[in-house]
């Protein structure tokens, strides 16, 4: 997405499967785009759900007022909810 939309990708705890241990539920600290991408995707899904469940009218759930947002609307919500990165050199 341009302008760039970034998410934290360091020190994210994720589920860790143990294939040979049924019922095992552990976590692992991971980093990189493998962690940042799901964060942005999850936020996009929450923005979409906000419109589908009709929260956009008055902040309360109203399924009758729900709508299927366009990809452009979801992108606009993500971009307008973003903040400038602090401490980033714009000349680099």
N, C-alpha and C. Protein backbone atom coordinates (compact mmCIF):
# COMPACT_ATOMS: atom_id res chain seq x y z
N UNK A 1 0.87 -1.17 0.00
CA UNK A 1 0.00 0.00 0.00
C UNK A 1 0.91 1.23 0.00
N UNK A 2 0.71 2.12 -0.92
CA UNK A 2 1.44 3.39 -0.95
C UNK A 2 0.49 4.50 -0.59
N UNK A 3 0.80 5.40 0.27
CA UNK A 3 2.07 5.40 1.00
C UNK A 3 2.19 4.17 1.87
N UNK A 4 3.42 3.89 2.26
CA UNK A 4 3.69 2.65 3.01
C UNK A 4 2.92 2.60 4.31
N UNK A 5 2.39 1.44 4.59
CA UNK A 5 1.73 1.16 5.85
C UNK A 5 2.58 0.11 6.54
N UNK A 6 3.07 0.42 7.73
CA UNK A 6 3.96 -0.51 8.42
C UNK A 6 3.33 -0.93 9.74
N UNK A 7 3.80 -2.05 10.24
CA UNK A 7 3.34 -2.58 11.52
C UNK A 7 4.54 -3.15 12.25
N UNK A 8 4.42 -3.31 13.57
CA UNK A 8 5.55 -3.88 14.30
C UNK A 8 5.84 -5.30 13.83
N UNK A 9 7.09 -5.60 13.68
CA UNK A 9 7.47 -6.94 13.26
C UNK A 9 8.54 -7.52 14.15
N UNK A 10 8.82 -6.87 15.28
CA UNK A 10 9.85 -7.34 16.20
C UNK A 10 9.21 -7.69 17.53
N UNK A 11 9.69 -8.74 18.13
CA UNK A 11 9.26 -9.17 19.46
C UNK A 11 7.75 -9.42 19.51
N UNK A 12 7.23 -10.10 18.51
CA UNK A 12 5.82 -10.47 18.46
C UNK A 12 5.73 -11.93 18.88
N UNK A 13 4.84 -12.20 19.81
CA UNK A 13 4.65 -13.58 20.25
C UNK A 13 3.54 -14.22 19.42
N UNK A 14 3.82 -15.41 18.92
CA UNK A 14 2.91 -16.12 18.04
C UNK A 14 2.71 -17.54 18.56
N UNK A 15 1.64 -18.16 18.09
CA UNK A 15 1.39 -19.56 18.46
C UNK A 15 2.47 -20.45 17.87
N UNK A 16 2.83 -21.46 18.63
CA UNK A 16 3.86 -22.40 18.18
C UNK A 16 3.30 -23.82 18.28
N UNK A 17 3.18 -24.44 17.14
CA UNK A 17 2.64 -25.80 17.10
C UNK A 17 3.71 -26.81 17.48
N UNK A 18 3.29 -27.84 18.16
CA UNK A 18 4.15 -28.97 18.49
C UNK A 18 3.50 -30.20 17.85
N UNK A 19 3.90 -30.56 16.63
CA UNK A 19 3.22 -31.62 15.89
C UNK A 19 3.09 -32.95 16.61
N UNK A 20 4.05 -33.27 17.45
CA UNK A 20 4.03 -34.59 18.10
C UNK A 20 3.48 -34.54 19.52
N UNK A 21 2.95 -33.37 19.92
CA UNK A 21 2.41 -33.22 21.27
C UNK A 21 0.96 -32.75 21.17
N UNK A 22 0.03 -33.68 21.17
CA UNK A 22 -1.39 -33.33 21.07
C UNK A 22 -1.80 -32.47 22.27
N UNK A 23 -2.53 -31.41 22.00
CA UNK A 23 -3.01 -30.52 23.05
C UNK A 23 -1.98 -29.52 23.53
N UNK A 24 -0.82 -29.51 22.94
CA UNK A 24 0.22 -28.57 23.33
C UNK A 24 -0.09 -27.18 22.78
N UNK A 25 0.06 -26.20 23.60
CA UNK A 25 -0.17 -24.81 23.18
C UNK A 25 0.96 -23.96 23.72
N UNK A 26 1.88 -23.62 22.87
CA UNK A 26 3.02 -22.82 23.28
C UNK A 26 3.11 -21.57 22.43
N UNK A 27 3.98 -20.65 22.83
CA UNK A 27 4.22 -19.45 22.05
C UNK A 27 5.70 -19.35 21.72
N UNK A 28 5.99 -18.59 20.70
CA UNK A 28 7.37 -18.35 20.30
C UNK A 28 7.52 -16.89 19.92
N UNK A 29 8.64 -16.29 20.30
CA UNK A 29 8.91 -14.90 19.91
C UNK A 29 9.47 -14.92 18.50
N UNK A 30 8.82 -14.19 17.62
CA UNK A 30 9.24 -14.17 16.23
C UNK A 30 9.37 -12.72 15.77
N UNK A 31 9.97 -12.54 14.59
CA UNK A 31 10.11 -11.20 14.05
C UNK A 31 10.20 -11.25 12.53
N UNK A 32 9.98 -10.09 11.94
CA UNK A 32 10.09 -9.97 10.49
C UNK A 32 8.74 -9.76 9.82
N UNK A 33 8.76 -9.78 8.50
CA UNK A 33 7.52 -9.57 7.75
C UNK A 33 6.50 -10.65 8.01
N UNK A 34 6.97 -11.82 8.45
CA UNK A 34 6.04 -12.90 8.77
C UNK A 34 5.14 -12.54 9.94
N UNK A 35 5.55 -11.59 10.74
CA UNK A 35 4.74 -11.14 11.88
C UNK A 35 4.02 -9.83 11.57
N UNK A 36 4.64 -8.94 10.81
CA UNK A 36 4.04 -7.64 10.51
C UNK A 36 2.84 -7.78 9.56
N UNK A 37 2.96 -8.65 8.59
CA UNK A 37 1.89 -8.81 7.60
C UNK A 37 0.57 -9.25 8.22
N UNK A 38 0.56 -10.25 9.12
CA UNK A 38 -0.72 -10.63 9.73
C UNK A 38 -1.33 -9.53 10.59
N UNK A 39 -0.48 -8.67 11.17
CA UNK A 39 -1.01 -7.56 11.98
C UNK A 39 -1.79 -6.61 11.09
N UNK A 40 -1.24 -6.25 9.93
CA UNK A 40 -1.93 -5.35 9.01
C UNK A 40 -3.18 -6.04 8.45
N UNK A 41 -3.08 -7.31 8.09
CA UNK A 41 -4.23 -8.03 7.57
C UNK A 41 -5.35 -8.11 8.60
N UNK A 42 -4.99 -8.35 9.85
CA UNK A 42 -5.99 -8.40 10.92
C UNK A 42 -6.67 -7.06 11.12
N UNK A 43 -5.91 -5.98 11.03
CA UNK A 43 -6.51 -4.65 11.15
C UNK A 43 -7.44 -4.36 9.97
N UNK A 44 -7.07 -4.80 8.78
CA UNK A 44 -7.94 -4.63 7.61
C UNK A 44 -9.25 -5.39 7.81
N UNK A 45 -9.15 -6.58 8.37
CA UNK A 45 -10.35 -7.38 8.63
C UNK A 45 -11.25 -6.70 9.65
N UNK A 46 -10.67 -6.12 10.69
CA UNK A 46 -11.47 -5.41 11.70
C UNK A 46 -12.15 -4.18 11.10
N UNK A 47 -11.45 -3.47 10.21
CA UNK A 47 -12.05 -2.32 9.54
C UNK A 47 -13.23 -2.77 8.68
N UNK A 48 -13.06 -3.86 7.96
CA UNK A 48 -14.15 -4.40 7.13
C UNK A 48 -15.34 -4.82 7.99
N UNK A 49 -15.06 -5.50 9.09
CA UNK A 49 -16.13 -5.95 9.99
C UNK A 49 -16.90 -4.76 10.57
N UNK A 50 -16.21 -3.67 10.85
CA UNK A 50 -16.82 -2.45 11.37
C UNK A 50 -17.96 -1.98 10.46
N UNK A 51 -17.72 -2.00 9.16
CA UNK A 51 -18.75 -1.58 8.21
C UNK A 51 -19.80 -2.66 7.99
N UNK A 52 -19.38 -3.90 7.91
CA UNK A 52 -20.34 -4.99 7.67
C UNK A 52 -21.36 -5.11 8.80
N UNK A 53 -20.94 -4.82 10.03
CA UNK A 53 -21.84 -4.95 11.17
C UNK A 53 -22.55 -3.64 11.51
N UNK A 54 -22.38 -2.61 10.67
CA UNK A 54 -23.14 -1.37 10.80
C UNK A 54 -22.70 -0.42 11.90
N UNK A 55 -21.50 -0.56 12.39
CA UNK A 55 -21.01 0.35 13.43
C UNK A 55 -20.77 1.77 12.91
N UNK A 56 -20.64 1.93 11.58
CA UNK A 56 -20.25 3.21 11.00
C UNK A 56 -21.28 4.32 11.18
N UNK A 57 -22.52 3.99 11.49
CA UNK A 57 -23.53 5.05 11.63
C UNK A 57 -23.44 5.78 12.95
N UNK A 58 -23.47 5.04 14.05
CA UNK A 58 -23.46 5.72 15.34
C UNK A 58 -22.61 5.02 16.39
N UNK A 59 -21.78 4.09 15.97
CA UNK A 59 -20.88 3.41 16.89
C UNK A 59 -21.48 2.20 17.59
N UNK A 60 -22.72 1.87 17.26
CA UNK A 60 -23.33 0.67 17.82
C UNK A 60 -23.61 -0.31 16.69
N UNK A 61 -23.66 -1.58 17.04
CA UNK A 61 -23.90 -2.61 16.03
C UNK A 61 -25.32 -2.50 15.50
N UNK A 62 -25.44 -2.44 14.18
CA UNK A 62 -26.74 -2.36 13.52
C UNK A 62 -26.62 -3.13 12.21
N UNK A 63 -26.92 -4.44 12.26
CA UNK A 63 -26.74 -5.30 11.09
C UNK A 63 -27.57 -4.82 9.89
N UNK A 64 -28.71 -4.19 10.15
CA UNK A 64 -29.55 -3.72 9.04
C UNK A 64 -28.88 -2.57 8.27
N UNK A 65 -28.01 -1.85 8.93
CA UNK A 65 -27.30 -0.74 8.28
C UNK A 65 -25.94 -1.18 7.74
N UNK A 66 -25.61 -2.46 7.91
CA UNK A 66 -24.31 -2.95 7.47
C UNK A 66 -24.14 -2.85 5.97
N UNK A 67 -22.90 -2.77 5.56
CA UNK A 67 -22.57 -2.67 4.14
C UNK A 67 -21.27 -3.43 3.90
N UNK A 68 -21.06 -3.84 2.67
CA UNK A 68 -19.80 -4.47 2.30
C UNK A 68 -18.89 -3.37 1.77
N UNK A 69 -17.84 -3.03 2.51
CA UNK A 69 -16.97 -1.92 2.08
C UNK A 69 -16.11 -2.32 0.89
N UNK A 70 -15.80 -1.36 0.07
CA UNK A 70 -14.89 -1.61 -1.05
C UNK A 70 -13.47 -1.73 -0.51
N UNK A 71 -12.59 -2.30 -1.31
CA UNK A 71 -11.18 -2.37 -0.93
C UNK A 71 -10.60 -0.97 -0.74
N UNK A 72 -11.05 -0.03 -1.56
CA UNK A 72 -10.57 1.35 -1.45
C UNK A 72 -10.97 1.97 -0.11
N UNK A 73 -12.17 1.66 0.38
CA UNK A 73 -12.61 2.21 1.66
C UNK A 73 -11.79 1.61 2.80
N UNK A 74 -11.55 0.31 2.77
CA UNK A 74 -10.74 -0.32 3.81
C UNK A 74 -9.33 0.27 3.80
N UNK A 75 -8.76 0.45 2.62
CA UNK A 75 -7.43 1.04 2.50
C UNK A 75 -7.43 2.46 3.05
N UNK A 76 -8.45 3.24 2.75
CA UNK A 76 -8.54 4.61 3.25
C UNK A 76 -8.63 4.65 4.77
N UNK A 77 -9.39 3.74 5.35
CA UNK A 77 -9.50 3.68 6.82
C UNK A 77 -8.15 3.35 7.43
N UNK A 78 -7.44 2.37 6.87
CA UNK A 78 -6.12 2.02 7.39
C UNK A 78 -5.15 3.20 7.28
N UNK A 79 -5.13 3.85 6.13
CA UNK A 79 -4.19 4.95 5.92
C UNK A 79 -4.51 6.15 6.81
N UNK A 80 -5.80 6.46 6.97
CA UNK A 80 -6.17 7.61 7.78
C UNK A 80 -6.07 7.35 9.27
N UNK A 81 -5.95 6.08 9.66
CA UNK A 81 -5.74 5.74 11.06
C UNK A 81 -4.28 5.58 11.42
N UNK A 82 -3.41 5.74 10.45
CA UNK A 82 -1.98 5.57 10.67
C UNK A 82 -1.36 6.84 11.26
N UNK A 83 -0.17 6.71 11.77
CA UNK A 83 0.58 7.83 12.30
C UNK A 83 1.94 7.89 11.62
N UNK A 84 2.53 9.10 11.57
CA UNK A 84 3.87 9.22 11.02
C UNK A 84 4.86 8.54 11.96
N UNK A 85 5.89 7.94 11.38
CA UNK A 85 6.92 7.32 12.18
C UNK A 85 7.79 8.40 12.81
N UNK A 86 8.05 8.29 14.08
CA UNK A 86 8.87 9.26 14.79
C UNK A 86 10.32 8.80 14.72
N UNK A 87 11.22 9.73 14.44
CA UNK A 87 12.64 9.39 14.43
C UNK A 87 13.14 8.83 13.12
N UNK A 88 12.35 8.93 12.07
CA UNK A 88 12.76 8.42 10.77
C UNK A 88 13.33 9.56 9.95
N UNK A 89 14.48 9.34 9.35
CA UNK A 89 15.14 10.35 8.54
C UNK A 89 14.48 10.39 7.17
N UNK A 90 13.77 11.47 6.87
CA UNK A 90 13.08 11.59 5.58
C UNK A 90 14.01 11.74 4.40
N UNK A 91 15.28 12.10 4.66
CA UNK A 91 16.24 12.31 3.57
C UNK A 91 16.92 11.01 3.14
N UNK A 92 16.73 9.96 3.89
CA UNK A 92 17.43 8.70 3.57
C UNK A 92 16.79 7.99 2.42
